[in-house]
Protein backbone atom coordinates (compact mmCIF):
# COMPACT_ATOMS: atom_id res chain seq x y z
CA MET A 1 0.00 0.00 0.00
CA LYS A 2 2.86 2.37 0.77
CA ASP A 3 4.21 2.08 -2.77
CA SER A 4 0.81 2.73 -4.30
CA LYS A 5 0.51 6.01 -2.39
CA LEU A 6 3.98 7.01 -3.57
CA ILE A 7 3.18 6.15 -7.18
CA TYR A 8 -0.11 8.06 -6.92
CA SER A 9 1.78 11.13 -5.66
CA ILE A 10 4.31 10.89 -8.48
CA ILE A 11 1.57 10.59 -11.11
CA THR A 12 -0.33 13.52 -9.60
CA ASP A 13 2.74 15.75 -9.53
CA CYS A 14 3.70 14.73 -13.07
CA TRP A 15 0.20 15.59 -14.28
CA LYS A 16 0.47 19.03 -12.68
CA ILE A 17 3.77 19.69 -14.46
CA TYR A 18 2.33 18.57 -17.79
CA LYS A 19 -0.88 20.55 -17.35
CA ASN A 20 0.97 23.71 -16.27
CA ASN A 21 3.35 23.50 -19.24
CA PHE A 22 0.80 22.78 -21.95
CA PRO A 23 0.75 23.96 -24.65
CA PRO A 24 4.52 23.83 -25.08
CA GLN A 25 6.45 26.86 -26.28
CA ASN A 26 9.44 26.83 -28.53
CA ASP A 27 11.74 29.10 -26.55
CA GLN A 28 14.68 28.65 -24.23
CA LYS A 29 13.02 30.03 -21.09
CA TYR A 30 10.12 27.59 -21.38
CA TRP A 31 12.41 24.56 -21.64
CA SER A 32 14.73 25.87 -18.94
CA ASP A 33 11.82 26.34 -16.53
CA LEU A 34 10.43 22.90 -17.41
CA THR A 35 13.83 21.29 -16.80
CA GLU A 36 14.04 23.00 -13.41
CA GLN A 37 10.55 21.80 -12.43
CA ILE A 38 11.34 18.24 -13.48
CA GLY A 39 14.67 18.30 -11.66
CA GLN A 40 12.96 19.39 -8.46
CA LEU A 41 10.36 16.65 -8.84
CA CYS A 42 13.01 13.97 -9.41
CA ASP A 43 14.96 15.22 -6.39
CA LYS A 44 11.80 15.15 -4.30
CA TYR A 45 10.99 11.51 -5.03
CA ASN A 46 14.36 10.01 -6.00
CA HIS A 47 12.51 7.06 -7.54
CA PRO A 48 12.97 5.34 -10.92
CA PHE A 49 9.24 5.56 -11.67
CA CYS A 50 9.44 9.35 -11.37
CA ASP A 51 12.47 9.43 -13.66
CA GLY A 52 10.56 7.48 -16.30
CA MET A 53 7.40 9.55 -15.98
CA THR A 54 9.25 12.84 -16.32
CA GLU A 55 11.10 11.55 -19.38
CA GLN A 56 7.72 10.74 -20.92
CA ILE A 57 6.47 14.26 -20.12
CA ILE A 58 9.41 15.79 -21.96
CA GLN A 59 8.95 13.49 -24.94
CA GLN A 60 5.23 14.20 -25.13
CA LEU A 61 5.72 17.97 -24.97
CA GLU A 62 8.33 17.69 -27.72
CA ARG A 63 5.82 15.76 -29.85
CA ASP A 64 3.10 18.31 -29.04
CA ILE A 65 5.26 21.21 -30.21
CA LYS A 66 5.87 19.48 -33.55
CA ALA A 67 2.17 18.78 -34.09
């Protein structure tokens, strides 16, 4: 049960980052701020699931900007 609460928290925080950074912008400040937010989140959880989720956020936002 403890892990499920942790995973839920990671998913919730990842969703907030994605939602707050959508739609993506094609400028350096946007990506710098996003990288900072993701770094703070990864530091907060220090968990491989969080690392994978944040990588997916970056990849999705990159796809969104090309669409």
